[in-house]
Amino acid sequence: RWLLRPLLYLIASSHVRELFTLAVLLVALAAAWGSQMAGFSMALGAFLAGMMLAETEYSHQVESVIRPFRDILLGLFFISVGMLLDFNALWREFWLVLMLVVSMVSLKALVAAFATRLFVDSTFKAVRTGLTLAVGGEFGIALLTLLLQNQAIDPAIAQPMLVAVVLAMVLAPVILANNKRVARWLLGERGPPKTAIERED
């Protein structure tokens, strides 16, 4: 961490974009390799490298040079997740998957809304925040994928959960686009008047 800042300064002062990109990749790969040699996962090392790079004054430059790699790897990640999915489980255990999706989204929304309510003075804002954070995320998929690969969980249990997380991610655009309406519906509130005549009344 102490060497990273002067190293990035030296490389950035050369004004060679390719050299900066290679340095960022080297830091991430070296941290992943060092983590694996220490007996931890490579993902943990890469995560720590990302945290260290984000704490430097070159974080915005790092983000710009790493974005193409991020997009490609994110695409490969979702392709690999899609190959792991058993879509027959969706039809075979439809009601179980539906119950898991509703339970997961509701529980995440409640926890996030309650935590937000402690710091804001508006229940409406807290509920909207809870709905926004209730959607599925890549972390859940990555966790379930690791459990499946290491045979730490029965596939009969993991597959419905994996399908539920993916469905929650698919529902994310709908939830995000309509979080204000859903929050008002949950709280029994009415929105502001849409027309000038209604506003005058």
Protein backbone atom coordinates (compact mmCIF):
# COMPACT_ATOMS: atom_id res chain seq x y z
CA ARG A 1 0.00 0.00 0.00
CA TRP A 2 2.88 2.37 0.78
CA LEU A 3 4.61 1.52 -2.49
CA LEU A 4 1.47 1.76 -4.63
CA ARG A 5 0.98 5.53 -4.49
CA PRO A 6 4.54 6.51 -5.56
CA LEU A 7 4.51 3.74 -8.18
CA LEU A 8 1.31 5.06 -9.75
CA TYR A 9 2.65 8.61 -9.56
CA LEU A 10 5.82 7.59 -11.40
CA ILE A 11 3.88 5.73 -14.09
CA ALA A 12 1.23 8.47 -14.49
CA SER A 13 3.94 11.11 -14.92
CA SER A 14 5.21 9.22 -17.97
CA HIS A 15 1.86 9.96 -19.71
CA VAL A 16 1.85 6.52 -21.32
CA ARG A 17 -1.71 5.21 -21.02
CA GLU A 18 -0.79 1.62 -21.91
CA LEU A 19 1.85 1.54 -19.17
CA PHE A 20 -0.68 2.73 -16.59
CA THR A 21 -3.17 0.06 -17.72
CA LEU A 22 -0.51 -2.66 -17.46
CA ALA A 23 0.48 -1.43 -13.99
CA VAL A 24 -3.12 -1.60 -12.74
CA LEU A 25 -3.54 -5.13 -14.14
CA LEU A 26 -0.21 -6.16 -12.61
CA VAL A 27 -1.28 -4.91 -9.18
CA ALA A 28 -4.59 -6.81 -9.38
CA LEU A 29 -3.02 -10.05 -10.66
CA ALA A 30 -0.13 -9.86 -8.17
CA ALA A 31 -2.53 -9.34 -5.27
CA ALA A 32 -4.67 -12.27 -6.46
CA TRP A 33 -1.61 -14.49 -6.79
CA GLY A 34 -0.27 -13.43 -3.37
CA SER A 35 -3.65 -14.14 -1.80
CA GLN A 36 -3.73 -17.61 -3.33
CA MET A 37 -0.19 -18.34 -2.14
CA ALA A 38 -1.26 -17.32 1.37
CA GLY A 39 -4.07 -19.89 1.26
CA PHE A 40 -6.93 -17.53 0.49
CA SER A 41 -8.99 -17.16 -2.68
CA MET A 42 -7.74 -15.16 -5.66
CA ALA A 43 -10.97 -13.13 -5.55
CA LEU A 44 -10.05 -11.86 -2.08
CA GLY A 45 -6.67 -10.66 -3.30
CA ALA A 46 -8.21 -8.91 -6.29
CA PHE A 47 -10.79 -7.31 -3.99
CA LEU A 48 -8.06 -5.98 -1.69
CA ALA A 49 -6.13 -4.65 -4.71
CA GLY A 50 -9.26 -2.83 -5.85
CA MET A 51 -9.66 -1.27 -2.41
CA MET A 52 -6.04 -0.11 -2.37
CA LEU A 53 -6.30 1.36 -5.88
CA ALA A 54 -9.55 3.13 -4.96
CA GLU A 55 -7.84 4.89 -2.05
CA THR A 56 -5.27 6.57 -4.28
CA GLU A 57 -5.75 9.89 -6.06
CA TYR A 58 -5.68 7.99 -9.36
CA SER A 59 -8.92 6.10 -8.67
CA HIS A 60 -10.82 7.84 -11.50
CA GLN A 61 -8.04 7.12 -13.97
CA VAL A 62 -7.91 3.50 -12.81
CA GLU A 63 -11.67 3.20 -13.32
CA SER A 64 -11.45 4.56 -16.87
CA VAL A 65 -8.66 2.21 -17.97
CA ILE A 66 -10.18 -0.85 -16.32
CA ARG A 67 -13.74 -0.32 -17.63
CA PRO A 68 -13.29 -2.34 -20.87
CA PHE A 69 -11.90 -5.30 -18.93
CA ARG A 70 -14.70 -5.00 -16.38
CA ASP A 71 -17.39 -5.08 -19.05
CA ILE A 72 -15.87 -8.09 -20.80
CA LEU A 73 -15.35 -10.05 -17.59
CA LEU A 74 -18.83 -9.16 -16.35
CA GLY A 75 -20.26 -10.51 -19.59
CA LEU A 76 -18.28 -13.73 -19.20
CA PHE A 77 -19.47 -13.98 -15.61
CA PHE A 78 -23.12 -13.80 -16.60
CA ILE A 79 -22.55 -16.29 -19.43
CA SER A 80 -21.00 -18.74 -16.96
CA VAL A 81 -23.90 -18.19 -14.56
CA GLY A 82 -26.37 -18.84 -17.37
CA MET A 83 -24.60 -22.12 -18.15
CA LEU A 84 -24.96 -23.17 -14.51
CA LEU A 85 -28.69 -22.45 -14.42
CA ASP A 86 -31.11 -25.33 -14.65
CA PHE A 87 -34.17 -23.74 -16.26
CA ASN A 88 -36.13 -26.95 -15.74
CA ALA A 89 -35.99 -26.15 -12.02
CA LEU A 90 -38.04 -23.00 -12.72
CA TRP A 91 -40.94 -25.03 -14.15
CA ARG A 92 -40.47 -28.04 -11.91
CA GLU A 93 -40.41 -25.99 -8.69
CA PHE A 94 -42.18 -22.84 -9.85
CA TRP A 95 -43.98 -22.10 -6.58
CA LEU A 96 -40.84 -22.65 -4.50
CA VAL A 97 -38.85 -20.29 -6.74
CA LEU A 98 -41.63 -17.70 -6.62
CA MET A 99 -41.75 -17.92 -2.83
CA LEU A 100 -37.95 -17.51 -2.65
CA VAL A 101 -38.05 -14.43 -4.92
CA VAL A 102 -40.84 -12.77 -2.91
CA SER A 103 -39.20 -13.66 0.42
CA MET A 104 -35.76 -12.43 -0.65
CA VAL A 105 -36.98 -9.14 -2.11
CA SER A 106 -39.31 -8.47 0.83
CA LEU A 107 -36.69 -9.27 3.47
CA LYS A 108 -34.01 -7.14 1.80
CA ALA A 109 -36.48 -4.27 1.38
CA LEU A 110 -37.53 -4.43 5.04
CA VAL A 111 -33.98 -4.54 6.38
CA ALA A 112 -32.78 -1.73 4.09
CA ALA A 113 -35.83 0.43 4.81
CA PHE A 114 -35.46 -0.03 8.58
CA ALA A 115 -31.74 0.77 8.44
CA THR A 116 -32.37 3.85 6.30
CA ARG A 117 -35.18 5.07 8.56
CA LEU A 118 -32.67 5.45 11.39
CA PHE A 119 -30.85 8.15 9.42
CA VAL A 120 -33.63 9.97 7.54
CA ASP A 121 -36.77 11.71 8.78
CA SER A 122 -39.05 10.39 6.02
CA THR A 123 -40.63 6.95 5.98
CA PHE A 124 -41.36 7.42 2.27
CA LYS A 125 -37.66 7.91 1.49
CA ALA A 126 -36.75 4.91 3.65
CA VAL A 127 -39.23 2.66 1.85
CA ARG A 128 -38.01 3.85 -1.56
CA THR A 129 -34.42 3.14 -0.53
CA GLY A 130 -35.44 -0.30 0.70
CA LEU A 131 -37.14 -1.09 -2.61
CA THR A 132 -34.13 0.13 -4.56
CA LEU A 133 -31.75 -2.08 -2.59
CA ALA A 134 -34.07 -5.10 -2.57
CA VAL A 135 -33.16 -6.32 -6.05
CA GLY A 136 -30.87 -9.28 -6.60
CA GLY A 137 -27.15 -8.78 -7.04
CA GLU A 138 -24.07 -10.41 -8.49
CA PHE A 139 -22.73 -11.22 -5.02
CA GLY A 140 -25.52 -13.71 -4.34
CA ILE A 141 -24.91 -15.41 -7.68
CA ALA A 142 -21.15 -15.56 -7.06
CA LEU A 143 -21.70 -17.01 -3.58
CA LEU A 144 -24.10 -19.70 -4.79
CA THR A 145 -21.79 -20.51 -7.71
CA LEU A 146 -18.85 -21.04 -5.35
CA LEU A 147 -20.99 -23.23 -3.10
CA LEU A 148 -22.04 -25.33 -6.09
CA GLN A 149 -18.51 -25.65 -7.46
CA ASN A 150 -17.12 -26.70 -4.08
CA GLN A 151 -20.08 -29.05 -3.46
CA ALA A 152 -20.79 -27.25 -0.19
CA ILE A 153 -24.53 -27.25 -0.84
CA ASP A 154 -26.95 -29.73 -2.34
CA PRO A 155 -27.70 -28.80 -6.00
CA ALA A 156 -31.37 -29.57 -5.34
CA ILE A 157 -31.35 -26.67 -2.84
CA ALA A 158 -28.94 -24.36 -4.65
CA GLN A 159 -30.61 -24.47 -8.07
CA PRO A 160 -33.96 -22.97 -6.95
CA MET A 161 -32.05 -20.33 -4.99
CA LEU A 162 -29.88 -19.51 -8.00
CA VAL A 163 -32.93 -19.21 -10.25
CA ALA A 164 -34.60 -16.97 -7.64
CA VAL A 165 -31.60 -14.62 -7.49
CA VAL A 166 -31.46 -14.39 -11.28
CA LEU A 167 -35.20 -13.64 -11.45
CA ALA A 168 -34.77 -10.94 -8.80
CA MET A 169 -32.08 -9.38 -10.99
CA VAL A 170 -34.38 -9.58 -14.02
CA LEU A 171 -37.07 -7.77 -12.01
CA ALA A 172 -34.60 -5.05 -11.00
CA PRO A 173 -35.43 -2.59 -13.84
CA VAL A 174 -39.16 -2.87 -13.11
CA ILE A 175 -38.68 -2.32 -9.37
CA LEU A 176 -36.26 0.58 -9.88
CA ALA A 177 -38.51 2.30 -12.41
CA ASN A 178 -41.61 2.04 -10.22
CA ASN A 179 -40.16 2.30 -6.70
CA LYS A 180 -41.93 5.63 -6.05
CA ARG A 181 -45.37 4.23 -6.97
CA VAL A 182 -44.83 1.03 -5.00
CA ALA A 183 -43.68 3.01 -1.95
CA ARG A 184 -46.79 5.19 -2.08
CA TRP A 185 -48.99 2.11 -2.50
CA LEU A 186 -47.36 0.39 0.49
CA LEU A 187 -47.76 3.47 2.66
CA GLY A 188 -51.24 4.28 1.39
CA GLU A 189 -50.19 7.72 0.23
CA ARG A 190 -51.25 9.69 -2.84
CA GLY A 191 -48.82 11.29 -5.25
CA PRO A 192 -48.74 15.00 -6.08
CA PRO A 193 -51.45 16.27 -8.46
CA LYS A 194 -50.59 15.71 -12.11
CA THR A 195 -52.48 18.65 -13.64
CA ALA A 196 -52.46 22.39 -12.85
CA ILE A 197 -56.20 22.34 -12.07
CA GLU A 198 -55.73 19.56 -9.53
CA ARG A 199 -52.84 21.45 -7.96
CA GLU A 200 -54.98 24.59 -7.58
CA ASP A 201 -57.72 22.58 -5.86
